[in-house]
Amino acid sequence: MTPPELYQRDRQWHPPSLVPDYKTSVARAPRNALLSLQGSMSELTGPTFGHDDIDPLDNDLLRNYAKEGDPIGERIIVHGRVLDENARPVPNTLVEIWQANAGGRYRHKKDSYLAPIDPNFGGCGRTLTDANGYYVFRTVKPGAYPWRNWVNNWRPAHIHVSVFGTAFAQRLITQMYFEGDPLIAKCPIVQTIPDQRAIDQLVAALDLNATVPLDAIAYKFDIVLRGHRSTCFENRPEGN
């Protein structure tokens, strides 16, 4: 018997739009029922991208911005697979990441955190999944940073992950955290997710089998695109 293609949405899996402890959700949460809009043909079919659009260094954040040496920080490998709800690989999918540097600061003009900018770290990368849905990045482990939610809130170390479908209009965004980080349980954003299993799915597991000895520690993070146990995506708060 072949596995089903559609699954009943589990509305207890994804976070609600309005969570008062996450202060900015108060202003951003919709006040009326959400509308379902059918995608147009142009949104579903293009524009597209291919392997020629990816530079060999795009997935190596240790090298793709460096000009005068290596970035500062703990060298890590982030790898995994993009899968559908039946654990089938999703090939040729564009995966992009962006992150703070080892001190917890983004290379962004509006980031005013007092940690210094790393002149050899840009904080962005991209790659296409292979035939088995596999992707890999080399980078530094980002630092935690304070944010203006309550008096003493800190974001756990995390990497933002963007996954595209067959066209640029089909985009999902999530965040990846690191196994063992005590700030995960303290973060108001993470705690908007009602099911601990869904939170655990956003935490990359330490993977010593993929670690490069005397070089970089590895973390494994699989992304499930849809289904009743899909990865929680920021731009799909109602579930999928």
Protein backbone atom coordinates (compact mmCIF):
# COMPACT_ATOMS: atom_id res chain seq x y z
CA MET A 1 0.00 0.00 0.00
CA THR A 2 1.41 3.37 -1.01
CA PRO A 3 1.58 6.08 1.67
CA PRO A 4 -1.07 8.82 1.58
CA GLU A 5 -0.28 12.10 -0.16
CA LEU A 6 -2.31 14.36 2.12
CA TYR A 7 -2.47 14.58 5.89
CA GLN A 8 -4.93 16.23 8.22
CA ARG A 9 -3.44 19.44 9.58
CA ASP A 10 -2.46 19.28 13.25
CA ARG A 11 -3.25 22.76 14.55
CA GLN A 12 -1.57 22.00 17.89
CA TRP A 13 1.77 21.48 16.13
CA HIS A 14 2.36 25.00 14.78
CA PRO A 15 2.43 28.13 16.97
CA PRO A 16 -0.52 30.53 17.13
CA SER A 17 -0.11 33.94 15.53
CA LEU A 18 -0.77 35.83 18.77
CA VAL A 19 1.43 35.08 21.82
CA PRO A 20 1.59 38.02 24.28
CA ASP A 21 4.97 36.93 25.75
CA TYR A 22 6.41 37.40 22.25
CA LYS A 23 5.71 41.13 22.22
CA THR A 24 5.96 41.87 18.49
CA SER A 25 3.36 39.20 17.73
CA VAL A 26 0.74 41.43 19.40
CA ALA A 27 1.06 44.03 16.65
CA ARG A 28 1.62 41.56 13.81
CA ALA A 29 -1.03 38.94 14.55
CA PRO A 30 -4.08 39.04 12.22
CA ARG A 31 -7.34 40.11 13.83
CA ASN A 32 -9.61 38.47 11.24
CA ALA A 33 -9.83 34.97 9.78
CA LEU A 34 -7.10 34.12 7.28
CA LEU A 35 -7.93 33.89 3.59
CA SER A 36 -6.74 31.11 1.27
CA LEU A 37 -5.54 32.48 -2.07
CA GLN A 38 -4.95 30.23 -5.03
CA GLY A 39 -1.49 30.65 -6.55
CA SER A 40 -1.32 31.93 -10.11
CA MET A 41 0.42 30.02 -12.89
CA SER A 42 3.30 32.50 -12.91
CA GLU A 43 3.80 32.03 -9.15
CA LEU A 44 3.88 28.26 -9.49
CA THR A 45 6.11 27.98 -12.57
CA GLY A 46 8.72 30.73 -12.49
CA PRO A 47 11.17 32.29 -12.40
CA THR A 48 13.34 29.26 -11.74
CA PHE A 49 17.00 28.70 -10.92
CA GLY A 50 19.61 26.05 -11.65
CA HIS A 51 23.08 24.80 -10.81
CA ASP A 52 24.68 27.50 -12.96
CA ASP A 53 23.41 30.10 -10.46
CA ILE A 54 25.39 28.58 -7.58
CA ASP A 55 29.07 29.38 -7.01
CA PRO A 56 31.25 26.57 -5.59
CA LEU A 57 31.97 28.70 -2.49
CA ASP A 58 28.38 29.74 -1.83
CA ASN A 59 27.89 27.03 0.81
CA ASP A 60 31.25 27.69 2.51
CA LEU A 61 30.77 30.65 4.86
CA LEU A 62 34.34 30.25 6.09
CA ARG A 63 35.61 31.29 2.68
CA ASN A 64 32.90 33.03 0.65
CA TYR A 65 33.44 36.43 2.32
CA ALA A 66 36.91 36.15 3.88
CA LYS A 67 39.57 38.50 2.52
CA GLU A 68 42.33 38.61 5.11
CA GLY A 69 42.06 35.32 7.01
CA ASP A 70 39.61 32.90 8.56
CA PRO A 71 36.47 34.00 10.44
CA ILE A 72 36.64 33.98 14.23
CA GLY A 73 34.68 31.31 16.07
CA GLU A 74 33.92 27.63 16.43
CA ARG A 75 34.06 25.99 13.00
CA ILE A 76 31.02 23.83 12.28
CA ILE A 77 29.36 21.82 9.53
CA VAL A 78 25.57 21.96 9.13
CA HIS A 79 24.12 19.21 6.96
CA GLY A 80 20.92 17.27 6.40
CA ARG A 81 18.17 16.46 3.93
CA VAL A 82 15.08 18.18 2.62
CA LEU A 83 12.21 15.67 2.74
CA ASP A 84 8.48 15.45 2.12
CA GLU A 85 6.04 14.05 4.70
CA ASN A 86 6.75 10.48 3.61
CA ALA A 87 10.53 10.91 4.07
CA ARG A 88 11.14 11.05 0.31
CA PRO A 89 14.03 13.31 -0.75
CA VAL A 90 13.33 16.64 -2.43
CA PRO A 91 16.13 17.16 -4.99
CA ASN A 92 17.37 20.38 -6.66
CA THR A 93 15.89 22.58 -3.96
CA LEU A 94 17.54 25.91 -3.18
CA VAL A 95 18.52 26.17 0.49
CA GLU A 96 19.79 29.50 1.82
CA ILE A 97 21.06 30.38 5.29
CA TRP A 98 21.96 33.57 7.13
CA GLN A 99 23.23 34.05 10.67
CA ALA A 100 25.02 36.19 13.23
CA ASN A 101 28.77 35.85 13.66
CA ALA A 102 30.45 34.12 16.60
CA GLY A 103 29.89 37.20 18.75
CA GLY A 104 26.16 37.28 18.06
CA ARG A 105 26.14 40.19 15.59
CA TYR A 106 24.67 40.27 12.09
CA ARG A 107 26.31 42.06 9.21
CA HIS A 108 23.34 44.41 8.89
CA LYS A 109 23.19 48.18 9.19
CA LYS A 110 20.33 48.00 11.71
CA ASP A 111 22.12 45.60 14.05
CA SER A 112 23.37 47.81 16.89
CA TYR A 113 24.57 45.08 19.26
CA LEU A 114 27.95 46.02 20.76
CA ALA A 115 29.67 42.79 19.62
CA PRO A 116 32.20 43.53 16.84
CA ILE A 117 31.75 42.83 13.15
CA ASP A 118 34.01 40.05 11.86
CA PRO A 119 35.73 41.43 8.71
CA ASN A 120 36.09 37.90 7.32
CA PHE A 121 32.54 36.69 7.85
CA GLY A 122 29.54 37.65 5.73
CA GLY A 123 27.01 35.35 7.36
CA CYS A 124 25.16 34.19 4.21
CA GLY A 125 25.27 31.06 2.07
CA ARG A 126 23.26 28.95 -0.36
CA THR A 127 23.28 25.58 -2.06
CA LEU A 128 21.09 23.19 -4.05
CA THR A 129 20.09 19.80 -2.66
CA ASP A 130 21.43 16.79 -4.57
CA ALA A 131 19.46 13.85 -5.97
CA ASN A 132 18.99 12.50 -2.42
CA GLY A 133 17.76 15.82 -1.03
CA TYR A 134 21.08 16.34 0.77
CA TYR A 135 22.65 19.74 1.55
CA VAL A 136 25.72 20.87 3.48
CA PHE A 137 27.19 24.16 4.74
CA ARG A 138 30.47 25.05 6.42
CA THR A 139 30.36 28.00 8.80
CA VAL A 140 31.04 29.19 12.37
CA LYS A 141 28.66 28.64 15.26
CA PRO A 142 26.68 31.86 15.80
CA GLY A 143 26.63 33.54 19.18
CA ALA A 144 23.62 34.35 21.33
CA TYR A 145 22.48 37.98 21.45
CA PRO A 146 20.10 40.15 23.51
CA TRP A 147 16.85 41.44 22.07
CA ARG A 148 14.22 43.95 23.19
CA ASN A 149 11.36 41.70 24.19
CA TRP A 150 11.49 41.79 28.00
CA VAL A 151 14.28 43.17 30.21
CA ASN A 152 16.73 40.28 29.86
CA ASN A 153 15.75 38.13 26.86
CA TRP A 154 18.48 36.48 24.79
CA ARG A 155 18.05 34.64 21.51
CA PRO A 156 19.63 31.17 21.48
CA ALA A 157 22.34 30.54 18.93
CA HIS A 158 20.49 29.92 15.67
CA ILE A 159 20.74 29.88 11.89
CA HIS A 160 17.95 31.12 9.64
CA VAL A 161 17.07 28.67 6.86
CA SER A 162 15.17 29.45 3.67
CA VAL A 163 13.90 26.70 1.35
CA PHE A 164 12.58 27.41 -2.15
CA GLY A 165 10.29 25.21 -4.21
CA THR A 166 10.42 25.06 -7.99
CA ALA A 167 10.25 28.86 -8.25
CA PHE A 168 11.27 31.94 -6.25
CA ALA A 169 7.63 32.61 -5.28
CA GLN A 170 7.55 29.32 -3.34
CA ARG A 171 9.55 30.01 -0.20
CA LEU A 172 9.53 28.72 3.38
CA ILE A 173 11.63 30.09 6.25
CA THR A 174 12.57 28.52 9.57
CA GLN A 175 15.27 28.64 12.25
CA MET A 176 17.71 25.97 13.34
CA TYR A 177 18.95 25.74 16.94
CA PHE A 178 21.76 23.69 18.48
CA GLU A 179 21.50 20.66 20.73
CA GLY A 180 22.23 21.38 24.38
CA ASP A 181 21.67 25.16 24.31
CA PRO A 182 19.97 26.17 27.63
CA LEU A 183 18.61 29.36 26.07
CA ILE A 184 16.20 27.39 23.85
CA ALA A 185 13.87 26.70 26.77
CA LYS A 186 14.05 30.38 27.82
CA CYS A 187 13.30 31.95 24.42
CA PRO A 188 9.80 33.49 24.07
CA ILE A 189 9.86 32.90 20.31
CA VAL A 190 10.64 29.19 20.65
CA GLN A 191 8.06 28.82 23.40
CA THR A 192 5.25 29.97 21.09
CA ILE A 193 5.36 26.41 19.68
CA PRO A 194 2.87 24.35 21.73
CA ASP A 195 4.32 20.87 21.13
CA GLN A 196 7.75 19.96 22.53
CA ARG A 197 8.23 17.48 19.69
CA ALA A 198 7.91 20.31 17.19
CA ILE A 199 10.51 22.32 19.12
CA ASP A 200 12.84 19.32 19.13
CA GLN A 201 12.49 19.15 15.35
CA LEU A 202 14.02 22.64 15.13
CA VAL A 203 17.10 21.57 17.12
CA ALA A 204 20.06 20.28 15.12
CA ALA A 205 21.59 17.17 16.63
CA LEU A 206 25.31 16.89 17.27
CA ASP A 207 26.68 14.50 14.64
CA LEU A 208 30.15 13.25 15.52
CA ASN A 209 30.09 10.85 12.56
CA ALA A 210 30.15 13.84 10.17
CA THR A 211 32.64 15.85 12.22
CA VAL A 212 35.97 16.59 10.55
CA PRO A 213 38.71 15.67 13.08
CA LEU A 214 40.80 18.65 14.25
CA ASP A 215 38.68 20.94 12.05
CA ALA A 216 34.91 21.27 12.49
CA ILE A 217 32.07 19.84 14.61
CA ALA A 218 28.99 18.73 12.65
CA TYR A 219 25.27 19.18 13.30
CA LYS A 220 22.49 17.39 11.44
CA PHE A 221 19.24 19.18 10.56
CA ASP A 222 16.57 17.59 8.35
CA ILE A 223 13.77 19.76 6.94
CA VAL A 224 10.29 18.30 6.37
CA LEU A 225 8.35 20.45 3.92
CA ARG A 226 4.75 19.45 4.57
CA GLY A 227 2.47 17.07 6.39
CA HIS A 228 1.11 16.93 9.93
CA ARG A 229 4.63 16.76 11.38
CA SER A 230 6.32 19.28 9.11
CA THR A 231 9.11 21.60 10.23
CA CYS A 232 7.65 24.77 11.78
CA PHE A 233 7.97 27.57 9.24
CA GLU A 234 7.82 31.23 10.25
CA ASN A 235 5.91 32.34 7.16
CA ARG A 236 3.27 29.62 7.55
CA PRO A 237 1.97 30.20 11.10
CA GLU A 238 -1.39 28.58 10.35
CA GLY A 239 0.28 25.25 9.58
CA ASN A 240 0.30 23.43 6.24
